[in-house]
């Protein structure tokens, strides 16, 4: 599973929720990371779909939680600066709030 820089920034700057799902027979599991807005699911940001690579629910939950934790601990300041420099003024204005929020720790996490 590849994760874009945009997704990394979104995960760092927002509340997230890891939800586990299973195949039809409940013999294997995967996870989805959702961005939350006002404690409600807003959008899917990362997923193992359509695959179910884990053998237990707990293993899938742990994998999803660990992924989110590692992303939130990443130092993306260099990438943020490069992204801001590449965008130009008009585009930078449109995404400035996302970049700003990705720099600020979320007190709800």
PDB file of N, CA and C in Angstrom:
ATOM      1  N   UNK A   1       0.851  -1.161   0.000  1.00  0.00           N
ATOM      2  CA  UNK A   1       0.000   0.000   0.000  1.00  0.00           C
ATOM      3  C   UNK A   1       0.901   1.229   0.000  1.00  0.00           C
ATOM      4  N   UNK A   2       0.702   2.109  -0.955  1.00  0.00           N
ATOM      5  CA  UNK A   2       1.421   3.372  -0.991  1.00  0.00           C
ATOM      6  C   UNK A   2       0.563   4.471  -0.384  1.00  0.00           C
ATOM      7  N   UNK A   3       1.203   5.441   0.224  1.00  0.00           N
ATOM      8  CA  UNK A   3       0.470   6.550   0.840  1.00  0.00           C
ATOM      9  C   UNK A   3       1.056   7.849   0.311  1.00  0.00           C
ATOM     10  N   UNK A   4       0.216   8.692  -0.238  1.00  0.00           N
ATOM     11  CA  UNK A   4       0.680   9.954  -0.810  1.00  0.00           C
ATOM     12  C   UNK A   4       1.065  10.945   0.284  1.00  0.00           C
ATOM     13  N   UNK A   5       1.880  11.919  -0.093  1.00  0.00           N
ATOM     14  CA  UNK A   5       2.251  12.987   0.836  1.00  0.00           C
ATOM     15  C   UNK A   5       0.996  13.716   1.310  1.00  0.00           C
ATOM     16  N   UNK A   6       0.077  13.935   0.424  1.00  0.00           N
ATOM     17  CA  UNK A   6      -1.162  14.629   0.785  1.00  0.00           C
ATOM     18  C   UNK A   6      -1.907  13.850   1.874  1.00  0.00           C
ATOM     19  N   UNK A   7      -1.956  12.524   1.737  1.00  0.00           N
ATOM     20  CA  UNK A   7      -2.620  11.688   2.752  1.00  0.00           C
ATOM     21  C   UNK A   7      -1.869  11.736   4.077  1.00  0.00           C
ATOM     22  N   UNK A   8      -0.532  11.709   4.016  1.00  0.00           N
ATOM     23  CA  UNK A   8       0.267  11.808   5.245  1.00  0.00           C
ATOM     24  C   UNK A   8      -0.036  13.109   5.976  1.00  0.00           C
ATOM     25  N   UNK A   9      -0.075  14.216   5.240  1.00  0.00           N
ATOM     26  CA  UNK A   9      -0.365  15.518   5.848  1.00  0.00           C
ATOM     27  C   UNK A   9      -1.774  15.544   6.431  1.00  0.00           C
ATOM     28  N   UNK A  10      -2.717  14.965   5.711  1.00  0.00           N
ATOM     29  CA  UNK A  10      -4.101  14.942   6.200  1.00  0.00           C
ATOM     30  C   UNK A  10      -4.209  14.134   7.486  1.00  0.00           C
ATOM     31  N   UNK A  11      -3.535  12.991   7.546  1.00  0.00           N
ATOM     32  CA  UNK A  11      -3.567  12.168   8.763  1.00  0.00           C
ATOM     33  C   UNK A  11      -2.909  12.896   9.921  1.00  0.00           C
ATOM     34  N   UNK A  12      -1.786  13.578   9.662  1.00  0.00           N
ATOM     35  CA  UNK A  12      -1.099  14.293  10.749  1.00  0.00           C
ATOM     36  C   UNK A  12      -1.947  15.422  11.316  1.00  0.00           C
ATOM     37  N   UNK A  13      -2.726  16.062  10.500  1.00  0.00           N
ATOM     38  CA  UNK A  13      -3.433  17.256  10.950  1.00  0.00           C
ATOM     39  C   UNK A  13      -4.881  17.064  11.328  1.00  0.00           C
ATOM     40  N   UNK A  14      -5.341  15.831  11.359  1.00  0.00           N
ATOM     41  CA  UNK A  14      -6.761  15.605  11.601  1.00  0.00           C
ATOM     42  C   UNK A  14      -6.986  14.417  12.527  1.00  0.00           C
ATOM     43  N   UNK A  15      -8.157  14.404  13.121  1.00  0.00           N
ATOM     44  CA  UNK A  15      -8.588  13.249  13.900  1.00  0.00           C
ATOM     45  C   UNK A  15      -8.843  12.102  12.922  1.00  0.00           C
ATOM     46  N   UNK A  16      -8.474  10.897  13.308  1.00  0.00           N
ATOM     47  CA  UNK A  16      -8.667   9.732  12.449  1.00  0.00           C
ATOM     48  C   UNK A  16      -9.351   8.612  13.226  1.00  0.00           C
ATOM     49  N   UNK A  17      -9.848   7.645  12.479  1.00  0.00           N
ATOM     50  CA  UNK A  17     -10.433   6.452  13.076  1.00  0.00           C
ATOM     51  C   UNK A  17     -10.030   5.264  12.215  1.00  0.00           C
ATOM     52  N   UNK A  18      -9.586   4.191  12.865  1.00  0.00           N
ATOM     53  CA  UNK A  18      -9.253   2.952  12.166  1.00  0.00           C
ATOM     54  C   UNK A  18     -10.431   1.997  12.338  1.00  0.00           C
ATOM     55  N   UNK A  19     -10.974   1.532  11.222  1.00  0.00           N
ATOM     56  CA  UNK A  19     -12.110   0.611  11.234  1.00  0.00           C
ATOM     57  C   UNK A  19     -11.680  -0.686  10.564  1.00  0.00           C
ATOM     58  N   UNK A  20     -11.937  -1.797  11.231  1.00  0.00           N
ATOM     59  CA  UNK A  20     -11.572  -3.126  10.729  1.00  0.00           C
ATOM     60  C   UNK A  20     -12.758  -3.699   9.952  1.00  0.00           C
ATOM     61  N   UNK A  21     -12.467  -4.396   8.859  1.00  0.00           N
ATOM     62  CA  UNK A  21     -13.496  -5.096   8.089  1.00  0.00           C
ATOM     63  C   UNK A  21     -13.015  -6.519   7.834  1.00  0.00           C
ATOM     64  N   UNK A  22     -13.921  -7.383   7.398  1.00  0.00           N
ATOM     65  CA  UNK A  22     -13.554  -8.782   7.141  1.00  0.00           C
ATOM     66  C   UNK A  22     -14.051  -9.216   5.771  1.00  0.00           C
ATOM     67  N   UNK A  23     -13.542 -10.365   5.320  1.00  0.00           N
ATOM     68  CA  UNK A  23     -14.088 -10.972   4.119  1.00  0.00           C
ATOM     69  C   UNK A  23     -15.456 -11.563   4.472  1.00  0.00           C
ATOM     70  N   UNK A  24     -16.154 -12.082   3.476  1.00  0.00           N
ATOM     71  CA  UNK A  24     -17.512 -12.600   3.717  1.00  0.00           C
ATOM     72  C   UNK A  24     -17.546 -13.741   4.724  1.00  0.00           C
ATOM     73  N   UNK A  25     -16.514 -14.554   4.748  1.00  0.00           N
ATOM     74  CA  UNK A  25     -16.486 -15.715   5.654  1.00  0.00           C
ATOM     75  C   UNK A  25     -15.910 -15.391   7.023  1.00  0.00           C
ATOM     76  N   UNK A  26     -15.479 -14.152   7.201  1.00  0.00           N
ATOM     77  CA  UNK A  26     -14.849 -13.711   8.458  1.00  0.00           C
ATOM     78  C   UNK A  26     -13.619 -14.552   8.800  1.00  0.00           C
ATOM     79  N   UNK A  27     -12.824 -14.835   7.766  1.00  0.00           N
ATOM     80  CA  UNK A  27     -11.600 -15.605   7.968  1.00  0.00           C
ATOM     81  C   UNK A  27     -10.346 -14.760   7.774  1.00  0.00           C
ATOM     82  N   UNK A  28     -10.507 -13.557   7.228  1.00  0.00           N
ATOM     83  CA  UNK A  28      -9.375 -12.636   7.090  1.00  0.00           C
ATOM     84  C   UNK A  28      -9.901 -11.210   7.192  1.00  0.00           C
ATOM     85  N   UNK A  29      -8.970 -10.279   7.531  1.00  0.00           N
ATOM     86  CA  UNK A  29      -9.382  -8.932   7.902  1.00  0.00           C
ATOM     87  C   UNK A  29      -8.470  -7.881   7.278  1.00  0.00           C
ATOM     88  N   UNK A  30      -8.986  -6.679   7.173  1.00  0.00           N
ATOM     89  CA  UNK A  30      -8.226  -5.525   6.718  1.00  0.00           C
ATOM     90  C   UNK A  30      -8.659  -4.310   7.521  1.00  0.00           C
ATOM     91  N   UNK A  31      -8.156  -3.143   7.141  1.00  0.00           N
ATOM     92  CA  UNK A  31      -8.549  -1.927   7.853  1.00  0.00           C
ATOM     93  C   UNK A  31      -8.666  -0.746   6.904  1.00  0.00           C
ATOM     94  N   UNK A  32      -9.424   0.244   7.356  1.00  0.00           N
ATOM     95  CA  UNK A  32      -9.588   1.518   6.661  1.00  0.00           C
ATOM     96  C   UNK A  32      -9.286   2.608   7.673  1.00  0.00           C
ATOM     97  N   UNK A  33      -8.520   3.616   7.254  1.00  0.00           N
ATOM     98  CA  UNK A  33      -8.292   4.799   8.081  1.00  0.00           C
ATOM     99  C   UNK A  33      -9.183   5.902   7.526  1.00  0.00           C
ATOM    100  N   UNK A  34     -10.045   6.410   8.374  1.00  0.00           N
ATOM    101  CA  UNK A  34     -10.948   7.494   7.995  1.00  0.00           C
ATOM    102  C   UNK A  34     -10.513   8.794   8.649  1.00  0.00           C
ATOM    103  N   UNK A  35     -10.693   9.900   7.941  1.00  0.00           N
ATOM    104  CA  UNK A  35     -10.581  11.219   8.550  1.00  0.00           C
ATOM    105  C   UNK A  35     -11.927  11.521   9.182  1.00  0.00           C
ATOM    106  N   UNK A  36     -11.883  12.124  10.350  1.00  0.00           N
ATOM    107  CA  UNK A  36     -13.101  12.446  11.086  1.00  0.00           C
ATOM    108  C   UNK A  36     -13.340  13.951  11.064  1.00  0.00           C
ATOM    109  N   UNK A  37     -14.585  14.335  11.058  1.00  0.00           N
ATOM    110  CA  UNK A  37     -14.998  15.730  11.189  1.00  0.00           C
ATOM    111  C   UNK A  37     -16.102  15.767  12.233  1.00  0.00           C
ATOM    112  N   UNK A  38     -15.876  16.519  13.279  1.00  0.00           N
ATOM    113  CA  UNK A  38     -16.862  16.645  14.354  1.00  0.00           C
ATOM    114  C   UNK A  38     -17.329  15.269  14.831  1.00  0.00           C
ATOM    115  N   UNK A  39     -16.356  14.389  15.034  1.00  0.00           N
ATOM    116  CA  UNK A  39     -16.577  13.034  15.566  1.00  0.00           C
ATOM    117  C   UNK A  39     -17.374  12.128  14.620  1.00  0.00           C
ATOM    118  N   UNK A  40     -17.547  12.521  13.367  1.00  0.00           N
ATOM    119  CA  UNK A  40     -18.242  11.717  12.372  1.00  0.00           C
ATOM    120  C   UNK A  40     -17.250  11.349  11.277  1.00  0.00           C
ATOM    121  N   UNK A  41     -17.432  10.169  10.670  1.00  0.00           N
ATOM    122  CA  UNK A  41     -16.571   9.778   9.564  1.00  0.00           C
ATOM    123  C   UNK A  41     -16.754  10.777   8.424  1.00  0.00           C
ATOM    124  N   UNK A  42     -15.641  11.299   7.933  1.00  0.00           N
ATOM    125  CA  UNK A  42     -15.671  12.284   6.847  1.00  0.00           C
ATOM    126  C   UNK A  42     -15.297  11.635   5.521  1.00  0.00           C
ATOM    127  N   UNK A  43     -14.132  11.017   5.466  1.00  0.00           N
ATOM    128  CA  UNK A  43     -13.691  10.410   4.214  1.00  0.00           C
ATOM    129  C   UNK A  43     -12.635   9.339   4.471  1.00  0.00           C
ATOM    130  N   UNK A  44     -12.596   8.370   3.593  1.00  0.00           N
ATOM    131  CA  UNK A  44     -11.568   7.335   3.656  1.00  0.00           C
ATOM    132  C   UNK A  44     -10.265   7.929   3.149  1.00  0.00           C
ATOM    133  N   UNK A  45      -9.166   7.653   3.854  1.00  0.00           N
ATOM    134  CA  UNK A  45      -7.875   8.212   3.453  1.00  0.00           C
ATOM    135  C   UNK A  45      -6.857   7.124   3.112  1.00  0.00           C
ATOM    136  N   UNK A  46      -6.887   5.999   3.818  1.00  0.00           N
ATOM    137  CA  UNK A  46      -5.977   4.871   3.565  1.00  0.00           C
ATOM    138  C   UNK A  46      -6.771   3.591   3.786  1.00  0.00           C
ATOM    139  N   UNK A  47      -6.499   2.579   2.964  1.00  0.00           N
ATOM    140  CA  UNK A  47      -7.232   1.331   3.099  1.00  0.00           C
ATOM    141  C   UNK A  47      -6.420   0.160   2.584  1.00  0.00           C
ATOM    142  N   UNK A  48      -6.660  -1.011   3.166  1.00  0.00           N
ATOM    143  CA  UNK A  48      -6.089  -2.239   2.609  1.00  0.00           C
ATOM    144  C   UNK A  48      -7.039  -2.851   1.580  1.00  0.00           C
ATOM    145  N   UNK A  49      -8.226  -2.262   1.401  1.00  0.00           N
ATOM    146  CA  UNK A  49      -9.204  -2.762   0.428  1.00  0.00           C
ATOM    147  C   UNK A  49      -8.577  -2.894  -0.945  1.00  0.00           C
ATOM    148  N   UNK A  50      -8.900  -3.882  -1.742  1.00  0.00           N
ATOM    149  CA  UNK A  50      -9.886  -4.928  -1.491  1.00  0.00           C
ATOM    150  C   UNK A  50      -9.292  -6.134  -0.767  1.00  0.00           C
ATOM    151  N   UNK A  51      -8.083  -6.004  -0.309  1.00  0.00           N
ATOM    152  CA  UNK A  51      -7.389  -7.126   0.325  1.00  0.00           C
ATOM    153  C   UNK A  51      -7.746  -7.249   1.802  1.00  0.00           C
ATOM    154  N   UNK A  52      -7.614  -8.453   2.301  1.00  0.00           N
ATOM    155  CA  UNK A  52      -7.806  -8.728   3.726  1.00  0.00           C
ATOM    156  C   UNK A  52      -6.583  -9.511   4.202  1.00  0.00           C
ATOM    157  N   UNK A  53      -5.473  -8.793   4.440  1.00  0.00           N
ATOM    158  CA  UNK A  53      -4.200  -9.468   4.684  1.00  0.00           C
ATOM    159  C   UNK A  53      -3.959  -9.976   6.105  1.00  0.00           C
ATOM    160  N   UNK A  54      -4.883  -9.752   7.031  1.00  0.00           N
ATOM    161  CA  UNK A  54      -4.642 -10.133   8.421  1.00  0.00           C
ATOM    162  C   UNK A  54      -5.544 -11.296   8.820  1.00  0.00           C
ATOM    163  N   UNK A  55      -5.040 -12.144   9.707  1.00  0.00           N
ATOM    164  CA  UNK A  55      -5.784 -13.349  10.081  1.00  0.00           C
ATOM    165  C   UNK A  55      -6.742 -13.149  11.241  1.00  0.00           C
ATOM    166  N   UNK A  56      -6.572 -12.057  11.997  1.00  0.00           N
ATOM    167  CA  UNK A  56      -7.497 -11.773  13.100  1.00  0.00           C
ATOM    168  C   UNK A  56      -7.900 -10.307  13.072  1.00  0.00           C
ATOM    169  N   UNK A  57      -9.038 -10.026  13.695  1.00  0.00           N
ATOM    170  CA  UNK A  57      -9.494  -8.642  13.848  1.00  0.00           C
ATOM    171  C   UNK A  57      -8.466  -7.818  14.611  1.00  0.00           C
ATOM    172  N   UNK A  58      -7.937  -8.398  15.686  1.00  0.00           N
ATOM    173  CA  UNK A  58      -6.974  -7.695  16.531  1.00  0.00           C
ATOM    174  C   UNK A  58      -5.706  -7.341  15.754  1.00  0.00           C
ATOM    175  N   UNK A  59      -5.242  -8.265  14.914  1.00  0.00           N
ATOM    176  CA  UNK A  59      -4.051  -8.016  14.113  1.00  0.00           C
ATOM    177  C   UNK A  59      -4.293  -6.853  13.143  1.00  0.00           C
ATOM    178  N   UNK A  60      -5.453  -6.820  12.513  1.00  0.00           N
ATOM    179  CA  UNK A  60      -5.786  -5.725  11.591  1.00  0.00           C
ATOM    180  C   UNK A  60      -5.887  -4.399  12.337  1.00  0.00           C
ATOM    181  N   UNK A  61      -6.537  -4.401  13.504  1.00  0.00           N
ATOM    182  CA  UNK A  61      -6.672  -3.171  14.294  1.00  0.00           C
ATOM    183  C   UNK A  61      -5.302  -2.645  14.717  1.00  0.00           C
ATOM    184  N   UNK A  62      -4.455  -3.538  15.192  1.00  0.00           N
ATOM    185  CA  UNK A  62      -3.112  -3.148  15.614  1.00  0.00           C
ATOM    186  C   UNK A  62      -2.322  -2.577  14.441  1.00  0.00           C
ATOM    187  N   UNK A  63      -2.422  -3.207  13.280  1.00  0.00           N
ATOM    188  CA  UNK A  63      -1.701  -2.722  12.096  1.00  0.00           C
ATOM    189  C   UNK A  63      -2.171  -1.324  11.706  1.00  0.00           C
ATOM    190  N   UNK A  64      -3.479  -1.102  11.712  1.00  0.00           N
ATOM    191  CA  UNK A  64      -4.016   0.222  11.378  1.00  0.00           C
ATOM    192  C   UNK A  64      -3.623   1.275  12.392  1.00  0.00           C
ATOM    193  N   UNK A  65      -3.744   0.950  13.670  1.00  0.00           N
ATOM    194  CA  UNK A  65      -3.372   1.892  14.735  1.00  0.00           C
ATOM    195  C   UNK A  65      -1.883   2.223  14.677  1.00  0.00           C
ATOM    196  N   UNK A  66      -1.048   1.213  14.424  1.00  0.00           N
ATOM    197  CA  UNK A  66       0.398   1.429  14.341  1.00  0.00           C
ATOM    198  C   UNK A  66       0.748   2.311  13.153  1.00  0.00           C
ATOM    199  N   UNK A  67       0.095   2.080  12.024  1.00  0.00           N
ATOM    200  CA  UNK A  67       0.332   2.916  10.843  1.00  0.00           C
ATOM    201  C   UNK A  67       0.019   4.380  11.140  1.00  0.00           C
ATOM    202  N   UNK A  68      -1.139   4.638  11.732  1.00  0.00           N
ATOM    203  CA  UNK A  68      -1.528   6.015  12.058  1.00  0.00           C
ATOM    204  C   UNK A  68      -0.525   6.638  13.027  1.00  0.00           C
ATOM    205  N   UNK A  69      -0.131   5.908  14.050  1.00  0.00           N
ATOM    206  CA  UNK A  69       0.829   6.420  15.024  1.00  0.00           C
ATOM    207  C   UNK A  69       2.154   6.781  14.356  1.00  0.00           C
ATOM    208  N   UNK A  70       2.655   5.908  13.512  1.00  0.00           N
ATOM    209  CA  UNK A  70       3.933   6.173  12.833  1.00  0.00           C
ATOM    210  C   UNK A  70       3.842   7.399  11.918  1.00  0.00           C
ATOM    211  N   UNK A  71       2.707   7.543  11.235  1.00  0.00           N
ATOM    212  CA  UNK A  71       2.521   8.712  10.366  1.00  0.00           C
ATOM    213  C   UNK A  71       2.492   9.983  11.206  1.00  0.00           C
ATOM    214  N   UNK A  72       1.800   9.969  12.331  1.00  0.00           N
ATOM    215  CA  UNK A  72       1.708  11.167  13.172  1.00  0.00           C
ATOM    216  C   UNK A  72       3.063  11.543  13.775  1.00  0.00           C
ATOM    217  N   UNK A  73       3.960  10.565  13.896  1.00  0.00           N
ATOM    218  CA  UNK A  73       5.299  10.828  14.442  1.00  0.00           C
ATOM    219  C   UNK A  73       6.306  11.271  13.378  1.00  0.00           C
ATOM    220  N   UNK A  74       5.961  11.171  12.106  1.00  0.00           N
ATOM    221  CA  UNK A  74       6.900  11.511  11.026  1.00  0.00           C
ATOM    222  C   UNK A  74       7.198  13.014  11.012  1.00  0.00           C
ATOM    223  N   UNK A  75       8.433  13.373  10.678  1.00  0.00           N
ATOM    224  CA  UNK A  75       8.813  14.771  10.491  1.00  0.00           C
ATOM    225  C   UNK A  75       8.669  15.098   9.002  1.00  0.00           C
ATOM    226  N   UNK A  76       7.623  15.818   8.659  1.00  0.00           N
ATOM    227  CA  UNK A  76       7.347  16.156   7.267  1.00  0.00           C
ATOM    228  C   UNK A  76       7.601  17.630   6.961  1.00  0.00           C
ATOM    229  N   UNK A  77       8.366  18.318   7.813  1.00  0.00           N
ATOM    230  CA  UNK A  77       8.597  19.746   7.610  1.00  0.00           C
ATOM    231  C   UNK A  77       9.282  20.057   6.286  1.00  0.00           C
ATOM    232  N   UNK A  78      10.246  19.237   5.882  1.00  0.00           N
ATOM    233  CA  UNK A  78      10.934  19.460   4.606  1.00  0.00           C
ATOM    234  C   UNK A  78       9.949  19.329   3.437  1.00  0.00           C
ATOM    235  N   UNK A  79       9.107  18.297   3.488  1.00  0.00           N
ATOM    236  CA  UNK A  79       8.132  18.087   2.430  1.00  0.00           C
ATOM    237  C   UNK A  79       7.084  19.201   2.402  1.00  0.00           C
ATOM    238  N   UNK A  80       6.693  19.692   3.579  1.00  0.00           N
ATOM    239  CA  UNK A  80       5.741  20.804   3.642  1.00  0.00           C
ATOM    240  C   UNK A  80       6.327  22.046   2.970  1.00  0.00           C
ATOM    241  N   UNK A  81       7.579  22.360   3.286  1.00  0.00           N
ATOM    242  CA  UNK A  81       8.223  23.539   2.711  1.00  0.00           C
ATOM    243  C   UNK A  81       8.337  23.404   1.191  1.00  0.00           C
ATOM    244  N   UNK A  82       8.707  22.240   0.725  1.00  0.00           N
ATOM    245  CA  UNK A  82       8.830  22.006  -0.713  1.00  0.00           C
ATOM    246  C   UNK A  82       7.468  22.143  -1.393  1.00  0.00           C
ATOM    247  N   UNK A  83       6.453  21.573  -0.788  1.00  0.00           N
ATOM    248  CA  UNK A  83       5.100  21.650  -1.336  1.00  0.00           C
ATOM    249  C   UNK A  83       4.619  23.097  -1.410  1.00  0.00           C
ATOM    250  N   UNK A  84       4.840  23.848  -0.352  1.00  0.00           N
ATOM    251  CA  UNK A  84       4.442  25.257  -0.346  1.00  0.00           C
ATOM    252  C   UNK A  84       5.157  26.036  -1.448  1.00  0.00           C
ATOM    253  N   UNK A  85       6.442  25.745  -1.661  1.00  0.00           N
ATOM    254  CA  UNK A  85       7.211  26.435  -2.684  1.00  0.00           C
ATOM    255  C   UNK A  85       6.791  26.090  -4.103  1.00  0.00           C
ATOM    256  N   UNK A  86       6.331  24.872  -4.332  1.00  0.00           N
ATOM    257  CA  UNK A  86       5.941  24.422  -5.662  1.00  0.00           C
ATOM    258  C   UNK A  86       4.578  24.950  -6.113  1.00  0.00           C
ATOM    259  N   UNK A  87       3.741  25.301  -5.207  1.00  0.00           N
ATOM    260  CA  UNK A  87       2.347  25.572  -5.543  1.00  0.00           C
ATOM    261  C   UNK A  87       2.075  26.937  -6.154  1.00  0.00           C
ATOM    262  N   UNK A  88       2.856  27.921  -5.847  1.00  0.00           N
ATOM    263  CA  UNK A  88       2.540  29.263  -6.308  1.00  0.00           C
ATOM    264  C   UNK A  88       1.488  29.894  -5.417  1.00  0.00           C
ATOM    265  N   UNK A  89       1.244  31.162  -5.616  1.00  0.00           N
ATOM    266  CA  UNK A  89       0.383  31.921  -4.701  1.00  0.00           C
ATOM    267  C   UNK A  89      -1.075  31.486  -4.700  1.00  0.00           C
ATOM    268  N   UNK A  90      -1.686  31.357  -5.858  1.00  0.00           N
ATOM    269  CA  UNK A  90      -3.113  31.045  -5.895  1.00  0.00           C
ATOM    270  C   UNK A  90      -3.406  29.658  -5.317  1.00  0.00           C
ATOM    271  N   UNK A  91      -2.668  28.681  -5.748  1.00  0.00           N
ATOM    272  CA  UNK A  91      -2.888  27.322  -5.250  1.00  0.00           C
ATOM    273  C   UNK A  91      -2.515  27.250  -3.778  1.00  0.00           C
ATOM    274  N   UNK A  92      -1.443  27.927  -3.398  1.00  0.00           N
ATOM    275  CA  UNK A  92      -1.030  27.913  -1.995  1.00  0.00           C
ATOM    276  C   UNK A  92      -2.127  28.478  -1.099  1.00  0.00           C
ATOM    277  N   UNK A  93      -2.827  29.494  -1.565  1.00  0.00           N
ATOM    278  CA  UNK A  93      -3.931  30.045  -0.772  1.00  0.00           C
ATOM    279  C   UNK A  93      -5.028  29.004  -0.574  1.00  0.00           C
ATOM    280  N   UNK A  94      -5.287  28.237  -1.611  1.00  0.00           N
ATOM    281  CA  UNK A  94      -6.354  27.232  -1.547  1.00  0.00           C
ATOM    282  C   UNK A  94      -6.045  26.110  -0.566  1.00  0.00           C
ATOM    283  N   UNK A  95      -4.777  25.775  -0.401  1.00  0.00           N
ATOM    284  CA  UNK A  95      -4.417  24.647   0.468  1.00  0.00           C
ATOM    285  C   UNK A  95      -3.710  25.076   1.749  1.00  0.00           C
ATOM    286  N   UNK A  96      -3.582  26.365   1.965  1.00  0.00           N
ATOM    287  CA  UNK A  96      -2.846  26.860   3.135  1.00  0.00           C
ATOM    288  C   UNK A  96      -3.421  26.334   4.448  1.00  0.00           C
ATOM    289  N   UNK A  97      -4.728  26.211   4.535  1.00  0.00           N
ATOM    290  CA  UNK A  97      -5.338  25.731   5.769  1.00  0.00           C
ATOM    291  C   UNK A  97      -4.956  24.281   6.046  1.00  0.00           C
ATOM    292  N   UNK A  98      -4.901  23.459   5.012  1.00  0.00           N
ATOM    293  CA  UNK A  98      -4.520  22.053   5.187  1.00  0.00           C
ATOM    294  C   UNK A  98      -3.081  21.959   5.678  1.00  0.00           C
ATOM    295  N   UNK A  99      -2.186  22.714   5.043  1.00  0.00           N
ATOM    296  CA  UNK A  99      -0.780  22.692   5.446  1.00  0.00           C
ATOM    297  C   UNK A  99      -0.630  23.219   6.868  1.00  0.00           C
ATOM    298  N   UNK A 100      -1.326  24.301   7.178  1.00  0.00           N
ATOM    299  CA  UNK A 100      -1.271  24.868   8.525  1.00  0.00           C
ATOM    300  C   UNK A 100      -1.751  23.856   9.564  1.00  0.00           C
ATOM    301  N   UNK A 101      -2.864  23.207   9.293  1.00  0.00           N
ATOM    302  CA  UNK A 101      -3.402  22.232  10.243  1.00  0.00           C
ATOM    303  C   UNK A 101      -2.490  21.029  10.397  1.00  0.00           C
ATOM    304  N   UNK A 102      -1.760  20.686   9.347  1.00  0.00           N
ATOM    305  CA  UNK A 102      -0.881  19.529   9.444  1.00  0.00           C
ATOM    306  C   UNK A 102       0.317  19.811  10.340  1.00  0.00           C
ATOM    307  N   UNK A 103       0.625  21.078  10.568  1.00  0.00           N
ATOM    308  CA  UNK A 103       1.737  21.453  11.455  1.00  0.00           C
ATOM    309  C   UNK A 103       1.339  21.489  12.915  1.00  0.00           C
ATOM    310  N   UNK A 104       0.070  21.668  13.162  1.00  0.00           N
ATOM    311  CA  UNK A 104      -0.412  21.846  14.525  1.00  0.00           C
ATOM    312  C   UNK A 104      -0.834  20.512  15.114  1.00  0.00           C
ATOM    313  N   UNK A 105      -0.390  20.203  16.326  1.00  0.00           N
ATOM    314  CA  UNK A 105      -0.877  18.973  16.958  1.00  0.00           C
ATOM    315  C   UNK A 105      -2.365  19.080  17.224  1.00  0.00           C
ATOM    316  N   UNK A 106      -3.075  18.003  17.025  1.00  0.00           N
ATOM    317  CA  UNK A 106      -4.495  17.984  17.270  1.00  0.00           C
ATOM    318  C   UNK A 106      -4.720  17.579  18.727  1.00  0.00           C
ATOM    319  N   UNK A 107      -5.322  18.433  19.538  1.00  0.00           N
ATOM    320  CA  UNK A 107      -5.497  18.116  20.957  1.00  0.00           C
ATOM    321  C   UNK A 107      -6.467  16.962  21.200  1.00  0.00           C
ATOM    322  N   UNK A 108      -7.237  16.569  20.192  1.00  0.00           N
ATOM    323  CA  UNK A 108      -8.190  15.476  20.340  1.00  0.00           C
ATOM    324  C   UNK A 108      -7.564  14.117  20.135  1.00  0.00           C
ATOM    325  N   UNK A 109      -6.269  14.092  19.778  1.00  0.00           N
ATOM    326  CA  UNK A 109      -5.632  12.802  19.460  1.00  0.00           C
ATOM    327  C   UNK A 109      -4.861  12.271  20.621  1.00  0.00           C
TER     328      UNK A 109
END
